[in-house]
Amino acid sequence: MLSKKIENALNEQINTEMWSAYLYLSMSLDLDNKGRKGIANWFKVQFQEEQAHALALIDYLQARSGRVELKPIAGVPTTWNSVREIFNETLEHERKISGMINALYSMAEEEHDYATRQKLNTFIAEQVEEEETVVNILDDLTLVGEDGVGIFQLDRELGQRQFVAPQL
């Protein structure tokens, strides 16, 4: 059984994952409106991944006899000035999520909740991958810029991404 402290923290993380999904959907829509269909697709897949993260935490909470408490999701921005701005914000956001997952892990460790700690290991690995991917895209943007053939090719490349449910 989960402590109330861990249960509350997991509910907070569920809300954050849903907010992240909402943020990435908003980014996808903004990019689509600006003709960056491939990059919009990349963010639509991010949207699906964040929903999957929330559902994995919901399933875990229920499996441990915890109570899921869905709360309102705060609003998100709806426009960005550039592709680079979107990816910079994405990296900042993913680093924030990593910090939250690490804090949850520390809390589980303090409470000797080894099952929750084990569950969070998969999220920690996922966050390492998320941050690395965004850093690589930012590096690519530095090489190609945001105009011309390079961004066209990057848009096409990111448009190939397909959703594969994470194994959480």
C-alpha atoms as a PDB file:
ATOM      1  CA  MET A   1       0.000   0.000   0.000  1.00  0.00           C
ATOM      2  CA  LEU A   2       1.156   3.496  -0.807  1.00  0.00           C
ATOM      3  CA  SER A   3       1.644   6.219   1.747  1.00  0.00           C
ATOM      4  CA  LYS A   4      -0.618   9.251   1.358  1.00  0.00           C
ATOM      5  CA  LYS A   5       2.480  11.332   0.621  1.00  0.00           C
ATOM      6  CA  ILE A   6       3.487   9.109  -2.322  1.00  0.00           C
ATOM      7  CA  GLU A   7      -0.118   8.883  -3.528  1.00  0.00           C
ATOM      8  CA  ASN A   8      -0.417  12.682  -3.575  1.00  0.00           C
ATOM      9  CA  ALA A   9       2.918  13.060  -5.350  1.00  0.00           C
ATOM     10  CA  LEU A  10       1.931  10.509  -8.002  1.00  0.00           C
ATOM     11  CA  ASN A  11      -1.362  12.337  -8.548  1.00  0.00           C
ATOM     12  CA  GLU A  12       0.583  15.562  -8.993  1.00  0.00           C
ATOM     13  CA  GLN A  13       2.818  13.837 -11.539  1.00  0.00           C
ATOM     14  CA  ILE A  14      -0.219  12.517 -13.412  1.00  0.00           C
ATOM     15  CA  ASN A  15      -1.524  16.075 -13.670  1.00  0.00           C
ATOM     16  CA  THR A  16       1.880  17.266 -14.878  1.00  0.00           C
ATOM     17  CA  GLU A  17       2.042  14.537 -17.525  1.00  0.00           C
ATOM     18  CA  MET A  18      -1.412  15.524 -18.765  1.00  0.00           C
ATOM     19  CA  TRP A  19      -0.360  19.193 -18.823  1.00  0.00           C
ATOM     20  CA  SER A  20       2.721  18.159 -20.811  1.00  0.00           C
ATOM     21  CA  ALA A  21       0.482  16.363 -23.296  1.00  0.00           C
ATOM     22  CA  TYR A  22      -1.639  19.482 -23.628  1.00  0.00           C
ATOM     23  CA  LEU A  23       1.485  21.627 -24.131  1.00  0.00           C
ATOM     24  CA  TYR A  24       2.835  19.368 -26.876  1.00  0.00           C
ATOM     25  CA  LEU A  25      -0.527  19.240 -28.619  1.00  0.00           C
ATOM     26  CA  SER A  26      -0.589  23.050 -28.580  1.00  0.00           C
ATOM     27  CA  MET A  27       2.924  23.128 -30.045  1.00  0.00           C
ATOM     28  CA  SER A  28       1.859  20.650 -32.724  1.00  0.00           C
ATOM     29  CA  LEU A  29      -1.129  22.769 -33.680  1.00  0.00           C
ATOM     30  CA  ASP A  30       0.931  25.964 -33.849  1.00  0.00           C
ATOM     31  CA  LEU A  31       3.530  24.294 -36.061  1.00  0.00           C
ATOM     32  CA  ASP A  32       0.871  22.783 -38.294  1.00  0.00           C
ATOM     33  CA  ASN A  33      -0.707  26.232 -38.722  1.00  0.00           C
ATOM     34  CA  LYS A  34       2.717  27.546 -39.788  1.00  0.00           C
ATOM     35  CA  GLY A  35       3.236  24.842 -42.389  1.00  0.00           C
ATOM     36  CA  ARG A  36       5.748  22.763 -40.436  1.00  0.00           C
ATOM     37  CA  LYS A  37       3.721  19.566 -40.817  1.00  0.00           C
ATOM     38  CA  GLY A  38       6.584  17.159 -40.062  1.00  0.00           C
ATOM     39  CA  ILE A  39       7.680  18.908 -36.883  1.00  0.00           C
ATOM     40  CA  ALA A  40       3.996  19.184 -35.940  1.00  0.00           C
ATOM     41  CA  ASN A  41       3.799  15.402 -36.289  1.00  0.00           C
ATOM     42  CA  TRP A  42       6.821  15.000 -33.991  1.00  0.00           C
ATOM     43  CA  PHE A  43       5.010  17.005 -31.310  1.00  0.00           C
ATOM     44  CA  LYS A  44       1.774  15.086 -31.853  1.00  0.00           C
ATOM     45  CA  VAL A  45       3.721  11.918 -31.032  1.00  0.00           C
ATOM     46  CA  GLN A  46       5.092  13.691 -27.937  1.00  0.00           C
ATOM     47  CA  PHE A  47       1.486  14.442 -26.990  1.00  0.00           C
ATOM     48  CA  GLN A  48       0.657  10.716 -27.232  1.00  0.00           C
ATOM     49  CA  GLU A  49       3.732   9.738 -25.219  1.00  0.00           C
ATOM     50  CA  GLU A  50       2.829  12.101 -22.400  1.00  0.00           C
ATOM     51  CA  GLN A  51      -0.678  10.665 -22.284  1.00  0.00           C
ATOM     52  CA  ALA A  52       0.868   7.186 -22.097  1.00  0.00           C
ATOM     53  CA  HIS A  53       3.058   8.330 -19.193  1.00  0.00           C
ATOM     54  CA  ALA A  54       0.006   9.596 -17.317  1.00  0.00           C
ATOM     55  CA  LEU A  55      -1.889   6.368 -17.978  1.00  0.00           C
ATOM     56  CA  ALA A  56       1.055   4.278 -16.775  1.00  0.00           C
ATOM     57  CA  LEU A  57       1.077   6.224 -13.506  1.00  0.00           C
ATOM     58  CA  ILE A  58      -2.703   5.890 -13.211  1.00  0.00           C
ATOM     59  CA  ASP A  59      -2.448   2.126 -13.727  1.00  0.00           C
ATOM     60  CA  TYR A  60       0.344   1.907 -11.165  1.00  0.00           C
ATOM     61  CA  LEU A  61      -1.563   3.959  -8.601  1.00  0.00           C
ATOM     62  CA  GLN A  62      -4.626   1.764  -9.019  1.00  0.00           C
ATOM     63  CA  ALA A  63      -2.578  -1.439  -8.851  1.00  0.00           C
ATOM     64  CA  ARG A  64      -1.237  -0.266  -5.486  1.00  0.00           C
ATOM     65  CA  SER A  65      -4.751   0.505  -4.185  1.00  0.00           C
ATOM     66  CA  GLY A  66      -4.168   4.225  -4.477  1.00  0.00           C
ATOM     67  CA  ARG A  67      -6.818   6.748  -5.359  1.00  0.00           C
ATOM     68  CA  VAL A  68      -6.417   8.680  -8.590  1.00  0.00           C
ATOM     69  CA  GLU A  69      -7.584  12.265  -8.294  1.00  0.00           C
ATOM     70  CA  LEU A  70      -7.774  14.023 -11.629  1.00  0.00           C
ATOM     71  CA  LYS A  71      -7.473  17.773 -11.269  1.00  0.00           C
ATOM     72  CA  PRO A  72      -7.950  20.603 -13.752  1.00  0.00           C
ATOM     73  CA  ILE A  73      -5.141  21.101 -16.223  1.00  0.00           C
ATOM     74  CA  ALA A  74      -3.722  24.610 -16.362  1.00  0.00           C
ATOM     75  CA  GLY A  75      -3.721  26.452 -19.667  1.00  0.00           C
ATOM     76  CA  VAL A  76      -0.735  26.333 -22.003  1.00  0.00           C
ATOM     77  CA  PRO A  77       0.763  28.791 -24.487  1.00  0.00           C
ATOM     78  CA  THR A  78      -0.673  28.601 -28.007  1.00  0.00           C
ATOM     79  CA  THR A  79       1.917  30.324 -30.202  1.00  0.00           C
ATOM     80  CA  TRP A  80       5.681  30.455 -30.498  1.00  0.00           C
ATOM     81  CA  ASN A  81       7.956  32.672 -32.559  1.00  0.00           C
ATOM     82  CA  SER A  82      10.179  29.978 -34.028  1.00  0.00           C
ATOM     83  CA  VAL A  83      10.941  26.283 -34.207  1.00  0.00           C
ATOM     84  CA  ARG A  84      14.045  26.897 -32.090  1.00  0.00           C
ATOM     85  CA  GLU A  85      11.940  28.616 -29.414  1.00  0.00           C
ATOM     86  CA  ILE A  86       9.604  25.620 -29.286  1.00  0.00           C
ATOM     87  CA  PHE A  87      12.461  23.152 -28.903  1.00  0.00           C
ATOM     88  CA  ASN A  88      14.242  25.331 -26.316  1.00  0.00           C
ATOM     89  CA  GLU A  89      11.016  25.422 -24.300  1.00  0.00           C
ATOM     90  CA  THR A  90      10.639  21.665 -24.788  1.00  0.00           C
ATOM     91  CA  LEU A  91      14.143  21.011 -23.433  1.00  0.00           C
ATOM     92  CA  GLU A  92      13.515  23.273 -20.440  1.00  0.00           C
ATOM     93  CA  HIS A  93      10.224  21.496 -19.786  1.00  0.00           C
ATOM     94  CA  GLU A  94      11.726  18.002 -20.079  1.00  0.00           C
ATOM     95  CA  ARG A  95      14.481  18.981 -17.642  1.00  0.00           C
ATOM     96  CA  LYS A  96      11.791  20.171 -15.212  1.00  0.00           C
ATOM     97  CA  ILE A  97       9.982  16.828 -15.587  1.00  0.00           C
ATOM     98  CA  SER A  98      13.256  14.991 -14.955  1.00  0.00           C
ATOM     99  CA  GLY A  99      13.664  16.948 -11.728  1.00  0.00           C
ATOM    100  CA  MET A 100      10.129  16.051 -10.655  1.00  0.00           C
ATOM    101  CA  ILE A 101      10.690  12.352 -11.374  1.00  0.00           C
ATOM    102  CA  ASN A 102      13.968  12.479  -9.450  1.00  0.00           C
ATOM    103  CA  ALA A 103      12.198  14.109  -6.498  1.00  0.00           C
ATOM    104  CA  LEU A 104       9.534  11.386  -6.590  1.00  0.00           C
ATOM    105  CA  TYR A 105      12.271   8.761  -6.627  1.00  0.00           C
ATOM    106  CA  SER A 106      13.943  10.374  -3.597  1.00  0.00           C
ATOM    107  CA  MET A 107      10.611  10.475  -1.787  1.00  0.00           C
ATOM    108  CA  ALA A 108      10.030   6.782  -2.523  1.00  0.00           C
ATOM    109  CA  GLU A 109      13.521   6.037  -1.274  1.00  0.00           C
ATOM    110  CA  GLU A 110      12.924   7.967   1.963  1.00  0.00           C
ATOM    111  CA  GLU A 111       9.677   6.050   2.502  1.00  0.00           C
ATOM    112  CA  HIS A 112      11.301   2.697   1.694  1.00  0.00           C
ATOM    113  CA  ASP A 113       8.753   2.283  -1.100  1.00  0.00           C
ATOM    114  CA  TYR A 114      10.803   0.014  -3.318  1.00  0.00           C
ATOM    115  CA  ALA A 115       7.968  -0.791  -5.713  1.00  0.00           C
ATOM    116  CA  THR A 116       7.429   2.870  -6.550  1.00  0.00           C
ATOM    117  CA  ARG A 117      11.158   3.390  -6.839  1.00  0.00           C
ATOM    118  CA  GLN A 118      11.336   0.487  -9.287  1.00  0.00           C
ATOM    119  CA  LYS A 119       8.450   1.911 -11.329  1.00  0.00           C
ATOM    120  CA  LEU A 120      10.164   5.273 -11.487  1.00  0.00           C
ATOM    121  CA  ASN A 121      13.360   3.717 -12.882  1.00  0.00           C
ATOM    122  CA  THR A 122      11.599   3.360 -16.234  1.00  0.00           C
ATOM    123  CA  PHE A 123      10.547   7.004 -16.125  1.00  0.00           C
ATOM    124  CA  ILE A 124      14.099   8.099 -15.314  1.00  0.00           C
ATOM    125  CA  ALA A 125      15.434   6.201 -18.327  1.00  0.00           C
ATOM    126  CA  GLU A 126      12.678   7.704 -20.478  1.00  0.00           C
ATOM    127  CA  GLN A 127      13.626  11.223 -19.378  1.00  0.00           C
ATOM    128  CA  VAL A 128      17.281  10.701 -20.285  1.00  0.00           C
ATOM    129  CA  GLU A 129      16.136   9.714 -23.781  1.00  0.00           C
ATOM    130  CA  GLU A 130      13.697  12.649 -24.025  1.00  0.00           C
ATOM    131  CA  GLU A 131      16.336  15.219 -23.127  1.00  0.00           C
ATOM    132  CA  GLU A 132      18.951  13.703 -25.441  1.00  0.00           C
ATOM    133  CA  THR A 133      16.529  13.677 -28.377  1.00  0.00           C
ATOM    134  CA  VAL A 134      15.641  17.346 -27.952  1.00  0.00           C
ATOM    135  CA  VAL A 135      19.310  18.360 -27.560  1.00  0.00           C
ATOM    136  CA  ASN A 136      20.070  16.519 -30.817  1.00  0.00           C
ATOM    137  CA  ILE A 137      17.239  18.308 -32.620  1.00  0.00           C
ATOM    138  CA  LEU A 138      18.508  21.658 -31.316  1.00  0.00           C
ATOM    139  CA  ASP A 139      21.976  20.736 -32.598  1.00  0.00           C
ATOM    140  CA  ASP A 140      20.453  19.942 -36.001  1.00  0.00           C
ATOM    141  CA  LEU A 141      18.662  23.294 -35.999  1.00  0.00           C
ATOM    142  CA  THR A 142      21.976  25.014 -35.338  1.00  0.00           C
ATOM    143  CA  LEU A 143      23.438  23.279 -38.388  1.00  0.00           C
ATOM    144  CA  VAL A 144      20.550  23.851 -40.806  1.00  0.00           C
ATOM    145  CA  GLY A 145      18.934  27.075 -39.591  1.00  0.00           C
ATOM    146  CA  GLU A 146      15.215  27.708 -39.811  1.00  0.00           C
ATOM    147  CA  ASP A 147      14.952  28.611 -43.490  1.00  0.00           C
ATOM    148  CA  GLY A 148      15.763  26.842 -46.712  1.00  0.00           C
ATOM    149  CA  VAL A 149      16.470  23.260 -47.647  1.00  0.00           C
ATOM    150  CA  GLY A 150      17.888  22.229 -44.263  1.00  0.00           C
ATOM    151  CA  ILE A 151      14.723  22.983 -42.296  1.00  0.00           C
ATOM    152  CA  PHE A 152      12.692  21.390 -45.083  1.00  0.00           C
ATOM    153  CA  GLN A 153      14.710  18.184 -44.690  1.00  0.00           C
ATOM    154  CA  LEU A 154      14.492  18.300 -40.880  1.00  0.00           C
ATOM    155  CA  ASP A 155      10.734  18.805 -41.154  1.00  0.00           C
ATOM    156  CA  ARG A 156      10.508  15.740 -43.394  1.00  0.00           C
ATOM    157  CA  GLU A 157      12.701  13.663 -41.073  1.00  0.00           C
ATOM    158  CA  LEU A 158      10.694  14.524 -37.955  1.00  0.00           C
ATOM    159  CA  GLY A 159       7.513  13.857 -39.901  1.00  0.00           C
ATOM    160  CA  GLN A 160       8.485  10.186 -40.137  1.00  0.00           C
ATOM    161  CA  ARG A 161       8.164   9.666 -36.395  1.00  0.00           C
ATOM    162  CA  GLN A 162       5.423   7.297 -35.329  1.00  0.00           C
ATOM    163  CA  PHE A 163       3.958   6.678 -31.920  1.00  0.00           C
ATOM    164  CA  VAL A 164       5.228   3.567 -30.184  1.00  0.00           C
ATOM    165  CA  ALA A 165       3.766   3.116 -26.717  1.00  0.00           C
ATOM    166  CA  PRO A 166       6.541   3.355 -24.126  1.00  0.00           C
ATOM    167  CA  GLN A 167       7.118   0.286 -21.967  1.00  0.00           C
ATOM    168  CA  LEU A 168       6.441   1.861 -18.606  1.00  0.00           C
END
